[in-house]
PDB file of N, CA and C in Angstrom:
ATOM      1  N   MET A   1     -14.435  26.314  -8.345  1.00  0.00           N
ATOM      2  CA  MET A   1     -13.966  26.612  -7.017  1.00  0.00           C
ATOM      3  C   MET A   1     -14.016  25.374  -6.126  1.00  0.00           C
ATOM      4  N   GLN A   2     -15.047  24.576  -6.244  1.00  0.00           N
ATOM      5  CA  GLN A   2     -15.183  23.362  -5.455  1.00  0.00           C
ATOM      6  C   GLN A   2     -14.062  22.362  -5.750  1.00  0.00           C
ATOM      7  N   VAL A   3     -13.679  22.239  -6.990  1.00  0.00           N
ATOM      8  CA  VAL A   3     -12.644  21.285  -7.391  1.00  0.00           C
ATOM      9  C   VAL A   3     -11.319  21.608  -6.719  1.00  0.00           C
ATOM     10  N   ILE A   4     -10.982  22.868  -6.635  1.00  0.00           N
ATOM     11  CA  ILE A   4      -9.732  23.282  -6.001  1.00  0.00           C
ATOM     12  C   ILE A   4      -9.714  22.878  -4.533  1.00  0.00           C
ATOM     13  N   ASN A   5     -10.826  23.030  -3.822  1.00  0.00           N
ATOM     14  CA  ASN A   5     -10.887  22.654  -2.414  1.00  0.00           C
ATOM     15  C   ASN A   5     -10.718  21.145  -2.229  1.00  0.00           C
ATOM     16  N   VAL A   6     -11.308  20.352  -3.093  1.00  0.00           N
ATOM     17  CA  VAL A   6     -11.187  18.898  -2.996  1.00  0.00           C
ATOM     18  C   VAL A   6      -9.743  18.472  -3.206  1.00  0.00           C
ATOM     19  N   ILE A   7      -9.084  19.052  -4.178  1.00  0.00           N
ATOM     20  CA  ILE A   7      -7.693  18.712  -4.439  1.00  0.00           C
ATOM     21  C   ILE A   7      -6.818  19.108  -3.261  1.00  0.00           C
ATOM     22  N   ALA A   8      -7.043  20.242  -2.664  1.00  0.00           N
ATOM     23  CA  ALA A   8      -6.247  20.699  -1.525  1.00  0.00           C
ATOM     24  C   ALA A   8      -6.427  19.774  -0.330  1.00  0.00           C
ATOM     25  N   GLU A   9      -7.615  19.262  -0.100  1.00  0.00           N
ATOM     26  CA  GLU A   9      -7.864  18.371   1.025  1.00  0.00           C
ATOM     27  C   GLU A   9      -7.180  17.023   0.848  1.00  0.00           C
ATOM     28  N   ARG A  10      -6.985  16.575  -0.383  1.00  0.00           N
ATOM     29  CA  ARG A  10      -6.407  15.268  -0.638  1.00  0.00           C
ATOM     30  C   ARG A  10      -4.910  15.312  -0.921  1.00  0.00           C
ATOM     31  N   SER A  11      -4.304  16.468  -0.803  1.00  0.00           N
ATOM     32  CA  SER A  11      -2.883  16.553  -1.095  1.00  0.00           C
ATOM     33  C   SER A  11      -2.078  15.814  -0.030  1.00  0.00           C
ATOM     34  N   PHE A  12      -1.000  15.188  -0.452  1.00  0.00           N
ATOM     35  CA  PHE A  12      -0.146  14.459   0.470  1.00  0.00           C
ATOM     36  C   PHE A  12       1.275  14.463  -0.049  1.00  0.00           C
ATOM     37  N   ALA A  13       2.191  14.100   0.836  1.00  0.00           N
ATOM     38  CA  ALA A  13       3.597  14.006   0.455  1.00  0.00           C
ATOM     39  C   ALA A  13       4.110  12.635   0.874  1.00  0.00           C
ATOM     40  N   MET A  14       4.578  11.864  -0.093  1.00  0.00           N
ATOM     41  CA  MET A  14       5.085  10.535   0.192  1.00  0.00           C
ATOM     42  C   MET A  14       6.524  10.659   0.687  1.00  0.00           C
ATOM     43  N   THR A  15       6.820   9.996   1.800  1.00  0.00           N
ATOM     44  CA  THR A  15       8.167  10.057   2.351  1.00  0.00           C
ATOM     45  C   THR A  15       9.041   8.985   1.720  1.00  0.00           C
ATOM     46  N   GLU A  16      10.227   8.844   2.231  1.00  0.00           N
ATOM     47  CA  GLU A  16      11.198   7.889   1.700  1.00  0.00           C
ATOM     48  C   GLU A  16      10.634   6.471   1.674  1.00  0.00           C
ATOM     49  N   LYS A  17      10.917   5.758   0.612  1.00  0.00           N
ATOM     50  CA  LYS A  17      10.419   4.389   0.449  1.00  0.00           C
ATOM     51  C   LYS A  17      11.387   3.398   1.091  1.00  0.00           C
ATOM     52  N   ASP A  18      10.828   2.348   1.704  1.00  0.00           N
ATOM     53  CA  ASP A  18      11.614   1.321   2.376  1.00  0.00           C
ATOM     54  C   ASP A  18      11.422   0.002   1.622  1.00  0.00           C
ATOM     55  N   TYR A  19      12.504  -0.543   1.050  1.00  0.00           N
ATOM     56  CA  TYR A  19      12.435  -1.764   0.238  1.00  0.00           C
ATOM     57  C   TYR A  19      12.896  -3.009   0.981  1.00  0.00           C
ATOM     58  N   LYS A  20      12.998  -2.968   2.308  1.00  0.00           N
ATOM     59  CA  LYS A  20      13.510  -4.113   3.078  1.00  0.00           C
ATOM     60  C   LYS A  20      12.648  -5.361   2.924  1.00  0.00           C
ATOM     61  N   LEU A  21      11.351  -5.208   2.740  1.00  0.00           N
ATOM     62  CA  LEU A  21      10.437  -6.350   2.632  1.00  0.00           C
ATOM     63  C   LEU A  21      10.064  -6.660   1.184  1.00  0.00           C
ATOM     64  N   TYR A  22      10.855  -6.172   0.235  1.00  0.00           N
ATOM     65  CA  TYR A  22      10.585  -6.362  -1.195  1.00  0.00           C
ATOM     66  C   TYR A  22      10.379  -7.847  -1.515  1.00  0.00           C
ATOM     67  N   GLY A  23       9.301  -8.169  -2.217  1.00  0.00           N
ATOM     68  CA  GLY A  23       9.034  -9.537  -2.645  1.00  0.00           C
ATOM     69  C   GLY A  23       8.268 -10.387  -1.652  1.00  0.00           C
ATOM     70  N   THR A  24       7.874  -9.821  -0.518  1.00  0.00           N
ATOM     71  CA  THR A  24       7.113 -10.564   0.489  1.00  0.00           C
ATOM     72  C   THR A  24       5.704 -10.838  -0.022  1.00  0.00           C
ATOM     73  N   LYS A  25       5.246 -12.085   0.116  1.00  0.00           N
ATOM     74  CA  LYS A  25       3.868 -12.410  -0.268  1.00  0.00           C
ATOM     75  C   LYS A  25       2.923 -11.787   0.742  1.00  0.00           C
ATOM     76  N   ILE A  26       1.862 -11.161   0.239  1.00  0.00           N
ATOM     77  CA  ILE A  26       0.868 -10.522   1.109  1.00  0.00           C
ATOM     78  C   ILE A  26      -0.529 -10.967   0.711  1.00  0.00           C
ATOM     79  N   LEU A  27      -1.442 -10.832   1.641  1.00  0.00           N
ATOM     80  CA  LEU A  27      -2.864 -11.054   1.387  1.00  0.00           C
ATOM     81  C   LEU A  27      -3.555  -9.712   1.505  1.00  0.00           C
ATOM     82  N   ASN A  28      -4.194  -9.278   0.428  1.00  0.00           N
ATOM     83  CA  ASN A  28      -4.966  -8.046   0.425  1.00  0.00           C
ATOM     84  C   ASN A  28      -6.293  -8.349   1.118  1.00  0.00           C
ATOM     85  N   LEU A  29      -6.523  -7.760   2.277  1.00  0.00           N
ATOM     86  CA  LEU A  29      -7.723  -8.054   3.056  1.00  0.00           C
ATOM     87  C   LEU A  29      -8.989  -7.456   2.443  1.00  0.00           C
ATOM     88  N   LYS A  30      -8.859  -6.486   1.551  1.00  0.00           N
ATOM     89  CA  LYS A  30     -10.031  -5.913   0.879  1.00  0.00           C
ATOM     90  C   LYS A  30     -10.537  -6.825  -0.228  1.00  0.00           C
ATOM     91  N   THR A  31      -9.620  -7.391  -1.023  1.00  0.00           N
ATOM     92  CA  THR A  31     -10.017  -8.213  -2.169  1.00  0.00           C
ATOM     93  C   THR A  31      -9.822  -9.705  -1.939  1.00  0.00           C
ATOM     94  N   GLN A  32      -9.145 -10.069  -0.835  1.00  0.00           N
ATOM     95  CA  GLN A  32      -8.819 -11.464  -0.509  1.00  0.00           C
ATOM     96  C   GLN A  32      -7.939 -12.104  -1.589  1.00  0.00           C
ATOM     97  N   GLU A  33      -7.088 -11.305  -2.228  1.00  0.00           N
ATOM     98  CA  GLU A  33      -6.178 -11.813  -3.255  1.00  0.00           C
ATOM     99  C   GLU A  33      -4.741 -11.739  -2.772  1.00  0.00           C
ATOM    100  N   ILE A  34      -3.922 -12.632  -3.292  1.00  0.00           N
ATOM    101  CA  ILE A  34      -2.504 -12.678  -2.957  1.00  0.00           C
ATOM    102  C   ILE A  34      -1.743 -11.731  -3.879  1.00  0.00           C
ATOM    103  N   GLY A  35      -0.727 -11.089  -3.334  1.00  0.00           N
ATOM    104  CA  GLY A  35       0.111 -10.197  -4.119  1.00  0.00           C
ATOM    105  C   GLY A  35       1.521 -10.167  -3.567  1.00  0.00           C
ATOM    106  N   LEU A  36       2.341  -9.306  -4.114  1.00  0.00           N
ATOM    107  CA  LEU A  36       3.711  -9.123  -3.648  1.00  0.00           C
ATOM    108  C   LEU A  36       3.905  -7.687  -3.193  1.00  0.00           C
ATOM    109  N   LEU A  37       4.604  -7.536  -2.088  1.00  0.00           N
ATOM    110  CA  LEU A  37       4.906  -6.216  -1.566  1.00  0.00           C
ATOM    111  C   LEU A  37       6.145  -5.666  -2.260  1.00  0.00           C
ATOM    112  N   ILE A  38       6.095  -4.425  -2.681  1.00  0.00           N
ATOM    113  CA  ILE A  38       7.245  -3.786  -3.315  1.00  0.00           C
ATOM    114  C   ILE A  38       7.974  -2.889  -2.322  1.00  0.00           C
ATOM    115  N   CYS A  39       7.246  -1.983  -1.666  1.00  0.00           N
ATOM    116  CA  CYS A  39       7.890  -1.097  -0.699  1.00  0.00           C
ATOM    117  C   CYS A  39       6.871  -0.551   0.293  1.00  0.00           C
ATOM    118  N   LEU A  40       7.378  -0.005   1.372  1.00  0.00           N
ATOM    119  CA  LEU A  40       6.572   0.648   2.394  1.00  0.00           C
ATOM    120  C   LEU A  40       6.899   2.131   2.390  1.00  0.00           C
ATOM    121  N   CYS A  41       5.911   2.960   2.723  1.00  0.00           N
ATOM    122  CA  CYS A  41       6.148   4.399   2.809  1.00  0.00           C
ATOM    123  C   CYS A  41       5.087   5.021   3.700  1.00  0.00           C
ATOM    124  N   GLU A  42       5.321   6.277   4.078  1.00  0.00           N
ATOM    125  CA  GLU A  42       4.345   7.051   4.838  1.00  0.00           C
ATOM    126  C   GLU A  42       3.802   8.144   3.944  1.00  0.00           C
ATOM    127  N   ASN A  43       2.509   8.337   3.979  1.00  0.00           N
ATOM    128  CA  ASN A  43       1.896   9.463   3.275  1.00  0.00           C
ATOM    129  C   ASN A  43       1.455  10.464   4.326  1.00  0.00           C
ATOM    130  N   LYS A  44       1.968  11.672   4.214  1.00  0.00           N
ATOM    131  CA  LYS A  44       1.615  12.717   5.163  1.00  0.00           C
ATOM    132  C   LYS A  44       0.535  13.583   4.535  1.00  0.00           C
ATOM    133  N   PHE A  45      -0.693  13.334   4.938  1.00  0.00           N
ATOM    134  CA  PHE A  45      -1.826  14.121   4.481  1.00  0.00           C
ATOM    135  C   PHE A  45      -1.848  15.430   5.256  1.00  0.00           C
ATOM    136  N   THR A  46      -2.758  16.294   4.917  1.00  0.00           N
ATOM    137  CA  THR A  46      -2.831  17.580   5.594  1.00  0.00           C
ATOM    138  C   THR A  46      -3.196  17.440   7.067  1.00  0.00           C
ATOM    139  N   ASP A  47      -3.928  16.380   7.424  1.00  0.00           N
ATOM    140  CA  ASP A  47      -4.379  16.246   8.808  1.00  0.00           C
ATOM    141  C   ASP A  47      -3.785  15.052   9.558  1.00  0.00           C
ATOM    142  N   LYS A  48      -3.142  14.089   8.877  1.00  0.00           N
ATOM    143  CA  LYS A  48      -2.580  12.923   9.576  1.00  0.00           C
ATOM    144  C   LYS A  48      -1.551  12.223   8.699  1.00  0.00           C
ATOM    145  N   THR A  49      -0.841  11.266   9.295  1.00  0.00           N
ATOM    146  CA  THR A  49       0.136  10.447   8.578  1.00  0.00           C
ATOM    147  C   THR A  49      -0.370   9.012   8.532  1.00  0.00           C
ATOM    148  N   VAL A  50      -0.333   8.395   7.341  1.00  0.00           N
ATOM    149  CA  VAL A  50      -0.837   7.038   7.151  1.00  0.00           C
ATOM    150  C   VAL A  50       0.265   6.183   6.527  1.00  0.00           C
ATOM    151  N   ASP A  51       0.477   4.971   7.072  1.00  0.00           N
ATOM    152  CA  ASP A  51       1.439   4.038   6.500  1.00  0.00           C
ATOM    153  C   ASP A  51       0.815   3.334   5.305  1.00  0.00           C
ATOM    154  N   PHE A  52       1.548   3.300   4.198  1.00  0.00           N
ATOM    155  CA  PHE A  52       1.080   2.683   2.968  1.00  0.00           C
ATOM    156  C   PHE A  52       2.085   1.650   2.484  1.00  0.00           C
ATOM    157  N   ALA A  53       1.606   0.730   1.673  1.00  0.00           N
ATOM    158  CA  ALA A  53       2.464  -0.238   0.991  1.00  0.00           C
ATOM    159  C   ALA A  53       2.163  -0.152  -0.500  1.00  0.00           C
ATOM    160  N   THR A  54       3.195  -0.283  -1.313  1.00  0.00           N
ATOM    161  CA  THR A  54       3.018  -0.415  -2.750  1.00  0.00           C
ATOM    162  C   THR A  54       3.130  -1.899  -3.059  1.00  0.00           C
ATOM    163  N   CYS A  55       2.119  -2.448  -3.712  1.00  0.00           N
ATOM    164  CA  CYS A  55       2.052  -3.881  -3.970  1.00  0.00           C
ATOM    165  C   CYS A  55       1.763  -4.134  -5.449  1.00  0.00           C
ATOM    166  N   VAL A  56       1.895  -5.395  -5.844  1.00  0.00           N
ATOM    167  CA  VAL A  56       1.562  -5.838  -7.193  1.00  0.00           C
ATOM    168  C   VAL A  56       0.617  -7.024  -7.063  1.00  0.00           C
ATOM    169  N   ASP A  57      -0.491  -7.000  -7.819  1.00  0.00           N
ATOM    170  CA  ASP A  57      -1.414  -8.130  -7.784  1.00  0.00           C
ATOM    171  C   ASP A  57      -0.974  -9.214  -8.766  1.00  0.00           C
ATOM    172  N   LYS A  58      -1.746 -10.282  -8.860  1.00  0.00           N
ATOM    173  CA  LYS A  58      -1.349 -11.430  -9.684  1.00  0.00           C
ATOM    174  C   LYS A  58      -1.331 -11.134 -11.181  1.00  0.00           C
ATOM    175  N   THR A  59      -1.986 -10.038 -11.595  1.00  0.00           N
ATOM    176  CA  THR A  59      -1.958  -9.659 -13.012  1.00  0.00           C
ATOM    177  C   THR A  59      -0.834  -8.676 -13.328  1.00  0.00           C
ATOM    178  N   GLY A  60      -0.090  -8.252 -12.301  1.00  0.00           N
ATOM    179  CA  GLY A  60       1.011  -7.320 -12.493  1.00  0.00           C
ATOM    180  C   GLY A  60       0.638  -5.862 -12.302  1.00  0.00           C
ATOM    181  N   LYS A  61      -0.584  -5.602 -11.866  1.00  0.00           N
ATOM    182  CA  LYS A  61      -1.030  -4.223 -11.653  1.00  0.00           C
ATOM    183  C   LYS A  61      -0.500  -3.711 -10.313  1.00  0.00           C
ATOM    184  N   ARG A  62       0.161  -2.558 -10.351  1.00  0.00           N
ATOM    185  CA  ARG A  62       0.720  -1.948  -9.147  1.00  0.00           C
ATOM    186  C   ARG A  62      -0.346  -1.077  -8.486  1.00  0.00           C
ATOM    187  N   TYR A  63      -0.418  -1.152  -7.139  1.00  0.00           N
ATOM    188  CA  TYR A  63      -1.378  -0.337  -6.408  1.00  0.00           C
ATOM    189  C   TYR A  63      -0.828   0.015  -5.032  1.00  0.00           C
ATOM    190  N   ASN A  64      -1.325   1.115  -4.472  1.00  0.00           N
ATOM    191  CA  ASN A  64      -0.987   1.528  -3.109  1.00  0.00           C
ATOM    192  C   ASN A  64      -2.164   1.193  -2.210  1.00  0.00           C
ATOM    193  N   ILE A  65      -1.856   0.715  -1.007  1.00  0.00           N
ATOM    194  CA  ILE A  65      -2.899   0.325  -0.067  1.00  0.00           C
ATOM    195  C   ILE A  65      -2.422   0.638   1.344  1.00  0.00           C
ATOM    196  N   GLU A  66      -3.356   0.980   2.210  1.00  0.00           N
ATOM    197  CA  GLU A  66      -3.009   1.227   3.602  1.00  0.00           C
ATOM    198  C   GLU A  66      -2.452  -0.048   4.214  1.00  0.00           C
ATOM    199  N   LEU A  67      -1.456   0.106   5.060  1.00  0.00           N
ATOM    200  CA  LEU A  67      -0.794  -1.040   5.666  1.00  0.00           C
ATOM    201  C   LEU A  67      -1.749  -1.878   6.517  1.00  0.00           C
ATOM    202  N   ASP A  68      -2.781  -1.254   7.068  1.00  0.00           N
ATOM    203  CA  ASP A  68      -3.772  -1.977   7.880  1.00  0.00           C
ATOM    204  C   ASP A  68      -4.614  -2.936   7.050  1.00  0.00           C
ATOM    205  N   ASN A  69      -4.603  -2.797   5.726  1.00  0.00           N
ATOM    206  CA  ASN A  69      -5.444  -3.624   4.860  1.00  0.00           C
ATOM    207  C   ASN A  69      -4.702  -4.774   4.193  1.00  0.00           C
ATOM    208  N   ILE A  70      -3.481  -5.060   4.630  1.00  0.00           N
ATOM    209  CA  ILE A  70      -2.745  -6.222   4.126  1.00  0.00           C
ATOM    210  C   ILE A  70      -2.121  -6.962   5.292  1.00  0.00           C
ATOM    211  N   ARG A  71      -1.770  -8.212   5.051  1.00  0.00           N
ATOM    212  CA  ARG A  71      -1.008  -8.968   6.040  1.00  0.00           C
ATOM    213  C   ARG A  71      -0.101  -9.946   5.304  1.00  0.00           C
ATOM    214  N   GLY A  72       0.924 -10.403   5.985  1.00  0.00           N
ATOM    215  CA  GLY A  72       1.834 -11.365   5.381  1.00  0.00           C
ATOM    216  C   GLY A  72       1.109 -12.660   5.064  1.00  0.00           C
ATOM    217  N   PHE A  73       1.529 -13.332   4.003  1.00  0.00           N
ATOM    218  CA  PHE A  73       0.874 -14.564   3.563  1.00  0.00           C
ATOM    219  C   PHE A  73       1.921 -15.658   3.479  1.00  0.00           C
ATOM    220  N   GLU A  74       1.590 -16.825   4.026  1.00  0.00           N
ATOM    221  CA  GLU A  74       2.504 -17.958   3.996  1.00  0.00           C
ATOM    222  C   GLU A  74       1.781 -19.158   3.376  1.00  0.00           C
ATOM    223  N   ASP A  75       2.383 -19.739   2.352  1.00  0.00           N
ATOM    224  CA  ASP A  75       1.792 -20.917   1.715  1.00  0.00           C
ATOM    225  C   ASP A  75       1.911 -22.125   2.634  1.00  0.00           C
ATOM    226  N   ASP A  76       0.829 -22.880   2.773  1.00  0.00           N
ATOM    227  CA  ASP A  76       0.879 -24.117   3.535  1.00  0.00           C
ATOM    228  C   ASP A  76       1.646 -25.191   2.779  1.00  0.00           C
ATOM    229  N   PHE A  77       1.758 -25.040   1.454  1.00  0.00           N
ATOM    230  CA  PHE A  77       2.417 -26.036   0.628  1.00  0.00           C
ATOM    231  C   PHE A  77       3.939 -26.019   0.792  1.00  0.00           C
ATOM    232  N   GLU A  78       4.482 -24.910   1.254  1.00  0.00           N
ATOM    233  CA  GLU A  78       5.927 -24.780   1.375  1.00  0.00           C
ATOM    234  C   GLU A  78       6.476 -25.468   2.611  1.00  0.00           C
ATOM    235  N   LYS A  79       5.627 -25.889   3.531  1.00  0.00           N
ATOM    236  CA  LYS A  79       6.100 -26.524   4.776  1.00  0.00           C
ATOM    237  C   LYS A  79       6.323 -28.000   4.596  1.00  0.00           C
TER     238      LYS A  79
END
């Protein structure tokens, strides 16, 4: 019975994905690692809506992260 309640609390619906920023270099503020942004989306949880990004790390692993936990990254070497 407890498991069913936990699953119900964490249910969400991902809205339409936005690929306008595809390939943008990002800095993951949680791990301090560089990655690439794939798309942006909103997750509508039962109690609130949170902006998320789907990213890829340097090993090619895809992950979702809250938009507040990443920022754009610019190489100093490219200038």
